[in-house]
N, C-alpha and C. Protein backbone atom coordinates (compact mmCIF):
# COMPACT_ATOMS: atom_id res chain seq x y z
N MET A 1 -1.76 -18.88 0.48
CA MET A 1 -1.62 -17.46 0.25
C MET A 1 -1.85 -16.72 1.56
N LYS A 2 -1.09 -15.69 1.75
CA LYS A 2 -1.19 -14.92 2.99
C LYS A 2 -2.52 -14.17 3.06
N LYS A 3 -3.03 -14.05 4.26
CA LYS A 3 -4.24 -13.27 4.46
C LYS A 3 -3.89 -11.80 4.29
N ILE A 4 -4.71 -11.11 3.55
CA ILE A 4 -4.48 -9.70 3.31
C ILE A 4 -5.21 -8.91 4.38
N LEU A 5 -4.51 -8.02 5.01
CA LEU A 5 -5.06 -7.22 6.09
C LEU A 5 -5.74 -5.97 5.53
N LEU A 6 -7.03 -5.85 5.81
CA LEU A 6 -7.74 -4.64 5.41
C LEU A 6 -7.32 -3.53 6.34
N THR A 7 -6.98 -2.38 5.79
CA THR A 7 -6.38 -1.37 6.63
C THR A 7 -7.23 -0.15 6.91
N SER A 8 -7.97 0.35 5.94
CA SER A 8 -8.67 1.60 6.23
C SER A 8 -9.67 1.91 5.14
N LEU A 9 -10.76 2.54 5.51
CA LEU A 9 -11.68 3.08 4.52
C LEU A 9 -11.13 4.40 4.03
N LEU A 10 -11.11 4.57 2.73
CA LEU A 10 -10.61 5.82 2.16
C LEU A 10 -11.81 6.61 1.63
N LEU A 11 -12.48 7.33 2.50
CA LEU A 11 -13.69 8.05 2.13
C LEU A 11 -13.50 9.56 2.16
N TYR A 12 -12.31 10.02 2.13
CA TYR A 12 -12.01 11.44 2.26
C TYR A 12 -11.90 12.08 0.88
N SER A 13 -12.23 13.37 0.79
CA SER A 13 -12.09 14.07 -0.49
C SER A 13 -10.62 14.36 -0.77
N ASN A 14 -9.83 14.58 0.25
CA ASN A 14 -8.41 14.80 0.09
C ASN A 14 -7.70 13.47 0.31
N LEU A 15 -7.00 12.98 -0.69
CA LEU A 15 -6.36 11.67 -0.58
C LEU A 15 -4.91 11.77 -0.11
N LEU A 16 -4.70 12.57 0.91
CA LEU A 16 -3.40 12.68 1.55
C LEU A 16 -3.55 12.12 2.96
N PHE A 17 -2.79 11.07 3.25
CA PHE A 17 -2.90 10.38 4.53
C PHE A 17 -1.56 10.37 5.26
N SER A 18 -0.93 11.53 5.34
CA SER A 18 0.40 11.60 5.92
C SER A 18 0.41 11.28 7.41
N ASP A 19 -0.74 11.38 8.08
CA ASP A 19 -0.77 11.13 9.52
C ASP A 19 -1.17 9.69 9.86
N GLN A 20 -1.40 8.85 8.85
CA GLN A 20 -1.81 7.47 9.09
C GLN A 20 -0.68 6.50 8.80
N VAL A 21 -0.69 5.39 9.54
CA VAL A 21 0.24 4.29 9.30
C VAL A 21 -0.62 3.09 8.91
N PHE A 22 -0.37 2.55 7.73
CA PHE A 22 -1.11 1.40 7.23
C PHE A 22 -0.30 0.13 7.48
N LYS A 23 -0.93 -0.85 8.11
CA LYS A 23 -0.28 -2.14 8.31
C LYS A 23 -0.31 -2.93 7.02
N THR A 24 0.61 -3.87 6.90
CA THR A 24 0.65 -4.79 5.76
C THR A 24 0.42 -6.20 6.29
N ASP A 25 0.50 -7.18 5.40
CA ASP A 25 0.34 -8.56 5.81
C ASP A 25 1.60 -9.14 6.46
N VAL A 26 2.65 -8.35 6.58
CA VAL A 26 3.89 -8.78 7.23
C VAL A 26 4.14 -7.87 8.44
N PRO A 27 4.22 -8.46 9.63
CA PRO A 27 4.50 -7.63 10.82
C PRO A 27 5.79 -6.84 10.64
N ASP A 28 5.81 -5.65 11.17
CA ASP A 28 6.98 -4.77 11.15
C ASP A 28 7.29 -4.17 9.79
N ILE A 29 6.36 -4.25 8.83
CA ILE A 29 6.49 -3.55 7.56
C ILE A 29 5.22 -2.74 7.39
N VAL A 30 5.37 -1.41 7.27
CA VAL A 30 4.22 -0.51 7.23
C VAL A 30 4.34 0.47 6.07
N VAL A 31 3.21 1.10 5.76
CA VAL A 31 3.13 2.14 4.73
C VAL A 31 2.79 3.45 5.43
N LYS A 32 3.56 4.50 5.13
CA LYS A 32 3.35 5.83 5.71
C LYS A 32 3.30 6.87 4.59
N ASN A 33 2.74 8.04 4.92
CA ASN A 33 2.70 9.18 4.00
C ASN A 33 2.03 8.83 2.67
N PHE A 34 0.94 8.08 2.72
CA PHE A 34 0.21 7.63 1.55
C PHE A 34 -0.54 8.80 0.90
N VAL A 35 -0.38 8.97 -0.40
CA VAL A 35 -1.09 10.01 -1.15
C VAL A 35 -1.44 9.47 -2.53
N CYS A 36 -2.66 9.78 -2.97
CA CYS A 36 -3.10 9.40 -4.31
C CYS A 36 -3.20 10.66 -5.16
N HIS A 37 -2.59 10.64 -6.31
CA HIS A 37 -2.56 11.79 -7.21
C HIS A 37 -3.63 11.61 -8.29
N ASP A 38 -4.72 12.37 -8.14
CA ASP A 38 -5.88 12.26 -9.04
C ASP A 38 -5.54 12.43 -10.52
N VAL A 39 -4.84 13.47 -10.84
CA VAL A 39 -4.62 13.84 -12.24
C VAL A 39 -3.78 12.80 -12.98
N SER A 40 -2.73 12.30 -12.36
CA SER A 40 -1.84 11.36 -13.03
C SER A 40 -2.07 9.90 -12.62
N ASN A 41 -3.05 9.64 -11.75
CA ASN A 41 -3.45 8.29 -11.36
C ASN A 41 -2.29 7.42 -10.84
N TRP A 42 -1.65 7.89 -9.81
CA TRP A 42 -0.63 7.07 -9.14
C TRP A 42 -0.65 7.37 -7.65
N VAL A 43 -0.17 6.41 -6.87
CA VAL A 43 -0.05 6.60 -5.43
C VAL A 43 1.43 6.61 -5.07
N GLY A 44 1.75 7.41 -4.07
CA GLY A 44 3.10 7.48 -3.53
C GLY A 44 3.05 7.27 -2.03
N PHE A 45 4.10 6.68 -1.48
CA PHE A 45 4.14 6.41 -0.05
C PHE A 45 5.55 6.02 0.36
N ASN A 46 5.77 5.99 1.67
CA ASN A 46 7.02 5.48 2.21
C ASN A 46 6.77 4.06 2.69
N LEU A 47 7.57 3.14 2.21
CA LEU A 47 7.53 1.75 2.65
C LEU A 47 8.60 1.58 3.72
N VAL A 48 8.16 1.34 4.96
CA VAL A 48 9.07 1.28 6.10
C VAL A 48 9.24 -0.17 6.54
N ASN A 49 10.47 -0.63 6.50
CA ASN A 49 10.80 -2.01 6.85
C ASN A 49 11.49 -2.03 8.21
N ARG A 50 10.74 -2.38 9.23
CA ARG A 50 11.29 -2.49 10.59
C ARG A 50 11.78 -3.90 10.89
N SER A 51 11.64 -4.79 9.93
CA SER A 51 11.97 -6.21 10.14
C SER A 51 13.44 -6.49 9.80
N ASP A 52 13.83 -7.74 9.97
CA ASP A 52 15.17 -8.20 9.62
C ASP A 52 15.21 -8.85 8.25
N LYS A 53 14.12 -8.73 7.48
CA LYS A 53 14.02 -9.36 6.16
C LYS A 53 14.07 -8.29 5.07
N HIS A 54 14.48 -8.68 3.88
CA HIS A 54 14.56 -7.79 2.74
C HIS A 54 13.21 -7.77 2.01
N VAL A 55 12.71 -6.59 1.65
CA VAL A 55 11.48 -6.46 0.90
C VAL A 55 11.81 -6.32 -0.59
N TRP A 56 11.08 -7.08 -1.43
CA TRP A 56 11.32 -7.04 -2.87
C TRP A 56 10.12 -6.57 -3.67
N GLY A 57 8.99 -6.34 -3.03
CA GLY A 57 7.82 -5.87 -3.77
C GLY A 57 6.65 -5.60 -2.86
N ILE A 58 5.68 -4.85 -3.38
CA ILE A 58 4.46 -4.56 -2.64
C ILE A 58 3.30 -4.53 -3.63
N THR A 59 2.16 -5.04 -3.18
CA THR A 59 0.94 -5.00 -3.97
C THR A 59 -0.14 -4.26 -3.19
N LEU A 60 -0.81 -3.35 -3.87
CA LEU A 60 -1.93 -2.60 -3.31
C LEU A 60 -3.22 -3.25 -3.81
N PHE A 61 -4.12 -3.57 -2.89
CA PHE A 61 -5.42 -4.13 -3.23
C PHE A 61 -6.50 -3.12 -2.88
N ILE A 62 -7.45 -2.92 -3.79
CA ILE A 62 -8.62 -2.11 -3.52
C ILE A 62 -9.78 -3.08 -3.30
N ILE A 63 -10.40 -2.97 -2.12
CA ILE A 63 -11.39 -3.96 -1.68
C ILE A 63 -12.68 -3.26 -1.31
N ASP A 64 -13.81 -3.78 -1.82
CA ASP A 64 -15.10 -3.15 -1.54
C ASP A 64 -15.65 -3.57 -0.18
N LYS A 65 -16.83 -3.04 0.15
CA LYS A 65 -17.43 -3.27 1.46
C LYS A 65 -17.77 -4.73 1.72
N GLU A 66 -17.97 -5.50 0.67
CA GLU A 66 -18.27 -6.92 0.81
C GLU A 66 -17.01 -7.79 0.91
N GLY A 67 -15.85 -7.16 0.80
CA GLY A 67 -14.59 -7.90 0.88
C GLY A 67 -14.07 -8.42 -0.44
N ASP A 68 -14.69 -8.01 -1.54
CA ASP A 68 -14.24 -8.44 -2.86
C ASP A 68 -13.15 -7.51 -3.38
N THR A 69 -12.12 -8.09 -3.98
CA THR A 69 -11.05 -7.30 -4.57
C THR A 69 -11.52 -6.71 -5.89
N LEU A 70 -11.50 -5.39 -5.99
CA LEU A 70 -11.90 -4.69 -7.20
C LEU A 70 -10.73 -4.49 -8.15
N ASP A 71 -9.55 -4.30 -7.58
CA ASP A 71 -8.36 -4.04 -8.40
C ASP A 71 -7.12 -4.29 -7.56
N SER A 72 -6.03 -4.56 -8.22
CA SER A 72 -4.74 -4.68 -7.54
C SER A 72 -3.65 -4.17 -8.47
N LYS A 73 -2.70 -3.49 -7.88
CA LYS A 73 -1.56 -2.95 -8.63
C LYS A 73 -0.30 -3.23 -7.81
N SER A 74 0.79 -3.50 -8.50
CA SER A 74 2.03 -3.87 -7.80
C SER A 74 3.19 -2.96 -8.17
N ALA A 75 4.11 -2.87 -7.25
CA ALA A 75 5.43 -2.28 -7.49
C ALA A 75 6.41 -3.42 -7.29
N GLU A 76 6.85 -4.00 -8.37
CA GLU A 76 7.78 -5.12 -8.30
C GLU A 76 9.22 -4.60 -8.25
N LEU A 77 10.09 -5.42 -7.76
CA LEU A 77 11.51 -5.10 -7.68
C LEU A 77 11.78 -3.84 -6.86
N VAL A 78 10.95 -3.62 -5.85
CA VAL A 78 11.21 -2.56 -4.89
C VAL A 78 12.14 -3.15 -3.85
N SER A 79 13.30 -2.60 -3.72
CA SER A 79 14.29 -3.14 -2.80
C SER A 79 14.38 -2.27 -1.55
N VAL A 80 13.92 -2.84 -0.42
CA VAL A 80 14.01 -2.13 0.85
C VAL A 80 14.76 -3.03 1.83
N SER A 81 15.91 -2.60 2.22
CA SER A 81 16.76 -3.37 3.12
C SER A 81 16.12 -3.46 4.51
N PRO A 82 16.55 -4.43 5.30
CA PRO A 82 16.06 -4.51 6.68
C PRO A 82 16.36 -3.23 7.45
N LYS A 83 15.47 -2.88 8.34
CA LYS A 83 15.62 -1.71 9.22
C LYS A 83 15.83 -0.42 8.44
N SER A 84 15.08 -0.26 7.33
CA SER A 84 15.19 0.97 6.54
C SER A 84 13.85 1.28 5.88
N GLY A 85 13.82 2.31 5.07
CA GLY A 85 12.61 2.71 4.38
C GLY A 85 12.94 3.24 3.00
N LYS A 86 11.90 3.34 2.16
CA LYS A 86 12.11 3.83 0.80
C LYS A 86 10.83 4.47 0.29
N GLU A 87 10.98 5.60 -0.39
CA GLU A 87 9.85 6.23 -1.06
C GLU A 87 9.50 5.38 -2.27
N THR A 88 8.22 5.05 -2.40
CA THR A 88 7.78 4.11 -3.42
C THR A 88 6.52 4.65 -4.09
N SER A 89 6.28 4.23 -5.33
CA SER A 89 5.05 4.62 -6.02
C SER A 89 4.49 3.45 -6.81
N ILE A 90 3.18 3.51 -7.05
CA ILE A 90 2.50 2.52 -7.88
C ILE A 90 1.64 3.30 -8.87
N SER A 91 1.77 2.99 -10.14
CA SER A 91 1.04 3.74 -11.18
C SER A 91 -0.27 3.05 -11.56
N ASN A 92 -1.07 3.78 -12.32
CA ASN A 92 -2.36 3.32 -12.83
C ASN A 92 -3.35 2.96 -11.73
N VAL A 93 -3.40 3.79 -10.69
CA VAL A 93 -4.34 3.60 -9.59
C VAL A 93 -5.41 4.68 -9.69
N ASN A 94 -6.67 4.27 -9.69
CA ASN A 94 -7.79 5.20 -9.80
C ASN A 94 -8.12 5.75 -8.42
N CYS A 95 -7.86 7.02 -8.20
CA CYS A 95 -8.10 7.65 -6.89
C CYS A 95 -9.58 7.70 -6.55
N ASN A 96 -10.45 7.82 -7.54
CA ASN A 96 -11.89 7.81 -7.27
C ASN A 96 -12.33 6.47 -6.69
N THR A 97 -11.77 5.40 -7.17
CA THR A 97 -12.09 4.07 -6.63
C THR A 97 -11.58 3.95 -5.20
N LEU A 98 -10.42 4.51 -4.91
CA LEU A 98 -9.88 4.47 -3.55
C LEU A 98 -10.78 5.21 -2.57
N ARG A 99 -11.39 6.30 -3.00
CA ARG A 99 -12.24 7.10 -2.12
C ARG A 99 -13.41 6.31 -1.54
N LYS A 100 -13.89 5.34 -2.28
CA LYS A 100 -15.11 4.63 -1.91
C LYS A 100 -14.87 3.26 -1.28
N ASN A 101 -13.64 2.84 -1.16
CA ASN A 101 -13.35 1.47 -0.77
C ASN A 101 -12.23 1.37 0.26
N LYS A 102 -11.84 0.14 0.55
CA LYS A 102 -10.76 -0.13 1.49
C LYS A 102 -9.48 -0.43 0.71
N VAL A 103 -8.38 -0.31 1.40
CA VAL A 103 -7.09 -0.61 0.79
C VAL A 103 -6.36 -1.60 1.69
N ALA A 104 -5.61 -2.50 1.05
CA ALA A 104 -4.79 -3.47 1.77
C ALA A 104 -3.47 -3.61 1.03
N PHE A 105 -2.43 -4.03 1.77
CA PHE A 105 -1.11 -4.16 1.18
C PHE A 105 -0.55 -5.56 1.47
N SER A 106 0.07 -6.14 0.45
CA SER A 106 0.75 -7.42 0.58
C SER A 106 2.20 -7.23 0.20
N ILE A 107 3.09 -7.81 0.98
CA ILE A 107 4.54 -7.63 0.81
C ILE A 107 5.18 -8.88 0.23
N LYS A 108 6.14 -8.69 -0.68
CA LYS A 108 6.95 -9.79 -1.21
C LYS A 108 8.31 -9.71 -0.55
N LEU A 109 8.68 -10.76 0.15
CA LEU A 109 9.96 -10.79 0.87
C LEU A 109 11.01 -11.58 0.11
N GLY A 110 12.27 -11.21 0.32
CA GLY A 110 13.38 -11.96 -0.26
C GLY A 110 13.77 -13.11 0.65
N ASN A 111 14.58 -13.98 0.13
CA ASN A 111 15.04 -15.15 0.92
C ASN A 111 16.12 -14.80 1.90
């Protein structure tokens, strides 16, 4: 299994991270414009594929200070062609949990 890259502590009261770029476990694939919507419990972001490979999915991991995974949510069948980007969302994400922990992203690539 691929090593999951811990990307950032989310300790802010405002869960809008439009100025940050989050790395994933695949070089040249990043997450931008990350925002968590408190009321409806979903996150939205741009998945940017700078690689020559096709992206087919992304998983968000919420990880505590000890490195334990508290929760994970996926967006399956997300199709992002090489050298492109796509606005993506993942539902059923607790924004309060994100505020206190770290987030990491794992990418599913096509053949």
